[in-house]
Amino acid sequence: MKCLFAEALNTELKISLIPKKNIIEFLEEKASKKAEELVKLSKTSSALEIQSPSEEESKEQVERLKREILEKSVLV
């Protein structure tokens, strides 16, 4: 598809996507959110069995899952 304006100026129209933040920060935020969701689901299930982990254990699980998610995303 040609852009008549760009053509008239003997130029090309180029569109680029510029990230709003550093890709590492973006991936870490996404991994944290996903890890928190997974731990929350697990915690809910555990609570039904009266085996709910402590807050400290939940934080450790979130960090471990976050690292696993980031490692897998880098390998993909």
N, C-alpha and C. Protein backbone atom coordinates (compact mmCIF):
# COMPACT_ATOMS: atom_id res chain seq x y z
N MET A 1 0.85 -1.18 0.00
CA MET A 1 0.00 0.00 0.00
C MET A 1 0.89 1.24 0.00
N LYS A 2 0.69 2.10 -0.97
CA LYS A 2 1.50 3.30 -1.09
C LYS A 2 0.83 4.47 -0.38
N CYS A 3 1.68 5.32 0.18
CA CYS A 3 1.19 6.55 0.79
C CYS A 3 1.43 7.67 -0.22
N LEU A 4 0.38 8.28 -0.68
CA LEU A 4 0.50 9.31 -1.72
C LEU A 4 1.33 10.49 -1.25
N PHE A 5 1.18 10.86 0.01
CA PHE A 5 1.94 11.99 0.55
C PHE A 5 3.44 11.68 0.53
N ALA A 6 3.79 10.49 1.01
CA ALA A 6 5.20 10.09 1.01
C ALA A 6 5.72 9.97 -0.41
N GLU A 7 4.93 9.43 -1.29
CA GLU A 7 5.31 9.29 -2.69
C GLU A 7 5.56 10.66 -3.32
N ALA A 8 4.69 11.61 -3.02
CA ALA A 8 4.84 12.96 -3.58
C ALA A 8 6.14 13.63 -3.12
N LEU A 9 6.60 13.26 -1.92
CA LEU A 9 7.84 13.83 -1.38
C LEU A 9 9.05 12.95 -1.69
N ASN A 10 8.83 11.89 -2.48
CA ASN A 10 9.88 10.94 -2.84
C ASN A 10 10.52 10.35 -1.57
N THR A 11 9.66 9.90 -0.64
CA THR A 11 10.11 9.31 0.62
C THR A 11 9.33 8.02 0.89
N GLU A 12 9.73 7.32 1.91
CA GLU A 12 9.01 6.13 2.36
C GLU A 12 8.35 6.42 3.70
N LEU A 13 7.18 5.87 3.89
CA LEU A 13 6.51 5.97 5.19
C LEU A 13 6.89 4.73 5.99
N LYS A 14 7.48 4.93 7.15
CA LYS A 14 7.86 3.82 8.03
C LYS A 14 7.23 4.03 9.39
N ILE A 15 6.70 2.96 9.93
CA ILE A 15 6.08 2.99 11.25
C ILE A 15 6.88 2.07 12.15
N SER A 16 7.22 2.56 13.33
CA SER A 16 7.98 1.71 14.26
C SER A 16 7.33 1.72 15.64
N LEU A 17 7.52 0.63 16.33
CA LEU A 17 7.02 0.50 17.70
C LEU A 17 8.18 0.76 18.65
N ILE A 18 8.01 1.71 19.53
CA ILE A 18 9.04 2.10 20.49
C ILE A 18 8.61 1.62 21.87
N PRO A 19 9.42 0.76 22.53
CA PRO A 19 9.03 0.29 23.86
C PRO A 19 8.94 1.43 24.87
N LYS A 20 7.97 1.33 25.77
CA LYS A 20 7.79 2.36 26.80
C LYS A 20 8.79 2.19 27.94
N LYS A 21 9.29 0.96 28.11
CA LYS A 21 10.27 0.71 29.17
C LYS A 21 11.24 -0.36 28.70
N ASN A 22 12.29 -0.51 29.46
CA ASN A 22 13.32 -1.50 29.18
C ASN A 22 12.70 -2.89 29.08
N ILE A 23 13.15 -3.68 28.12
CA ILE A 23 12.58 -5.01 27.90
C ILE A 23 12.76 -5.92 29.12
N ILE A 24 13.88 -5.78 29.83
CA ILE A 24 14.12 -6.59 31.02
C ILE A 24 13.09 -6.27 32.10
N GLU A 25 12.85 -4.97 32.33
CA GLU A 25 11.84 -4.56 33.32
C GLU A 25 10.47 -5.09 32.93
N PHE A 26 10.14 -4.99 31.64
CA PHE A 26 8.86 -5.45 31.14
C PHE A 26 8.68 -6.95 31.40
N LEU A 27 9.72 -7.73 31.06
CA LEU A 27 9.64 -9.18 31.26
C LEU A 27 9.56 -9.54 32.73
N GLU A 28 10.30 -8.82 33.58
CA GLU A 28 10.24 -9.09 35.01
C GLU A 28 8.85 -8.80 35.58
N GLU A 29 8.24 -7.72 35.15
CA GLU A 29 6.88 -7.39 35.61
C GLU A 29 5.89 -8.46 35.18
N LYS A 30 5.98 -8.88 33.91
CA LYS A 30 5.07 -9.91 33.41
C LYS A 30 5.27 -11.22 34.17
N ALA A 31 6.54 -11.59 34.40
CA ALA A 31 6.84 -12.83 35.12
C ALA A 31 6.34 -12.76 36.56
N SER A 32 6.49 -11.61 37.21
CA SER A 32 6.00 -11.44 38.58
C SER A 32 4.49 -11.60 38.65
N LYS A 33 3.79 -10.96 37.73
CA LYS A 33 2.33 -11.05 37.73
C LYS A 33 1.88 -12.50 37.53
N LYS A 34 2.51 -13.19 36.58
CA LYS A 34 2.14 -14.58 36.31
C LYS A 34 2.45 -15.46 37.51
N ALA A 35 3.61 -15.28 38.12
CA ALA A 35 3.99 -16.06 39.30
C ALA A 35 3.02 -15.81 40.44
N GLU A 36 2.64 -14.55 40.66
CA GLU A 36 1.69 -14.22 41.73
C GLU A 36 0.34 -14.88 41.49
N GLU A 37 -0.11 -14.89 40.23
CA GLU A 37 -1.38 -15.54 39.90
C GLU A 37 -1.32 -17.04 40.20
N LEU A 38 -0.21 -17.67 39.79
CA LEU A 38 -0.07 -19.11 40.01
C LEU A 38 -0.01 -19.46 41.50
N VAL A 39 0.72 -18.67 42.27
CA VAL A 39 0.82 -18.93 43.71
C VAL A 39 -0.54 -18.69 44.38
N LYS A 40 -1.25 -17.67 43.93
CA LYS A 40 -2.57 -17.39 44.49
C LYS A 40 -3.52 -18.57 44.24
N LEU A 41 -3.48 -19.11 43.03
CA LEU A 41 -4.32 -20.28 42.72
C LEU A 41 -3.93 -21.47 43.59
N SER A 42 -2.64 -21.68 43.72
CA SER A 42 -2.15 -22.78 44.53
C SER A 42 -2.53 -22.59 46.00
N LYS A 43 -2.40 -21.36 46.47
CA LYS A 43 -2.72 -21.04 47.86
C LYS A 43 -4.21 -21.27 48.14
N THR A 44 -5.04 -20.89 47.19
CA THR A 44 -6.49 -21.09 47.34
C THR A 44 -6.81 -22.58 47.42
N SER A 45 -6.20 -23.34 46.53
CA SER A 45 -6.40 -24.79 46.54
C SER A 45 -5.91 -25.41 47.84
N SER A 46 -4.76 -24.96 48.32
CA SER A 46 -4.20 -25.47 49.57
C SER A 46 -5.08 -25.10 50.76
N ALA A 47 -5.67 -23.93 50.71
CA ALA A 47 -6.54 -23.49 51.82
C ALA A 47 -7.74 -24.40 51.94
N LEU A 48 -8.22 -24.90 50.81
CA LEU A 48 -9.35 -25.82 50.85
C LEU A 48 -8.98 -27.12 51.56
N GLU A 49 -7.71 -27.47 51.49
CA GLU A 49 -7.22 -28.68 52.14
C GLU A 49 -6.63 -28.37 53.53
N ILE A 50 -6.79 -27.15 53.98
CA ILE A 50 -6.27 -26.68 55.27
C ILE A 50 -4.75 -26.87 55.34
N GLN A 51 -4.07 -26.54 54.24
CA GLN A 51 -2.61 -26.63 54.18
C GLN A 51 -2.02 -25.36 53.57
N SER A 52 -2.64 -24.26 53.83
CA SER A 52 -2.23 -23.01 53.23
C SER A 52 -0.82 -22.62 53.68
N PRO A 53 0.07 -22.24 52.72
CA PRO A 53 1.44 -21.85 53.10
C PRO A 53 1.46 -20.48 53.79
N SER A 54 2.52 -20.25 54.54
CA SER A 54 2.67 -18.96 55.21
C SER A 54 2.94 -17.87 54.18
N GLU A 55 2.86 -16.63 54.61
CA GLU A 55 3.12 -15.49 53.72
C GLU A 55 4.56 -15.53 53.20
N GLU A 56 5.49 -15.90 54.09
CA GLU A 56 6.91 -15.99 53.70
C GLU A 56 7.11 -17.09 52.65
N GLU A 57 6.46 -18.23 52.84
CA GLU A 57 6.55 -19.32 51.86
C GLU A 57 5.96 -18.90 50.52
N SER A 58 4.88 -18.16 50.57
CA SER A 58 4.25 -17.68 49.33
C SER A 58 5.17 -16.73 48.58
N LYS A 59 5.83 -15.83 49.31
CA LYS A 59 6.77 -14.90 48.67
C LYS A 59 7.92 -15.65 48.02
N GLU A 60 8.43 -16.68 48.72
CA GLU A 60 9.52 -17.49 48.17
C GLU A 60 9.07 -18.22 46.91
N GLN A 61 7.83 -18.74 46.93
CA GLN A 61 7.29 -19.42 45.76
C GLN A 61 7.17 -18.46 44.57
N VAL A 62 6.72 -17.23 44.85
CA VAL A 62 6.58 -16.23 43.78
C VAL A 62 7.94 -15.94 43.16
N GLU A 63 8.95 -15.74 44.00
CA GLU A 63 10.30 -15.45 43.49
C GLU A 63 10.86 -16.61 42.69
N ARG A 64 10.66 -17.83 43.18
CA ARG A 64 11.16 -19.01 42.47
C ARG A 64 10.47 -19.17 41.12
N LEU A 65 9.15 -19.03 41.12
CA LEU A 65 8.40 -19.13 39.86
C LEU A 65 8.78 -18.01 38.89
N LYS A 66 8.98 -16.82 39.41
CA LYS A 66 9.38 -15.69 38.57
C LYS A 66 10.70 -16.01 37.87
N ARG A 67 11.68 -16.53 38.63
CA ARG A 67 12.97 -16.89 38.03
C ARG A 67 12.80 -17.96 36.97
N GLU A 68 11.97 -18.97 37.25
CA GLU A 68 11.73 -20.04 36.28
C GLU A 68 11.09 -19.50 35.01
N ILE A 69 10.11 -18.62 35.17
CA ILE A 69 9.44 -18.04 34.00
C ILE A 69 10.43 -17.22 33.18
N LEU A 70 11.26 -16.42 33.86
CA LEU A 70 12.25 -15.61 33.13
C LEU A 70 13.28 -16.48 32.42
N GLU A 71 13.72 -17.55 33.06
CA GLU A 71 14.69 -18.45 32.44
C GLU A 71 14.09 -19.08 31.18
N LYS A 72 12.83 -19.50 31.27
CA LYS A 72 12.18 -20.12 30.10
C LYS A 72 11.95 -19.10 29.00
N SER A 73 11.62 -17.86 29.36
CA SER A 73 11.35 -16.84 28.34
C SER A 73 12.63 -16.46 27.61
N VAL A 74 13.77 -16.54 28.29
CA VAL A 74 15.04 -16.22 27.65
C VAL A 74 15.44 -17.34 26.70
N LEU A 75 15.12 -18.57 27.06
CA LEU A 75 15.49 -19.72 26.24
C LEU A 75 14.64 -19.87 24.99
N VAL A 76 13.45 -19.28 24.99
CA VAL A 76 12.53 -19.42 23.86
C VAL A 76 12.97 -18.61 22.69
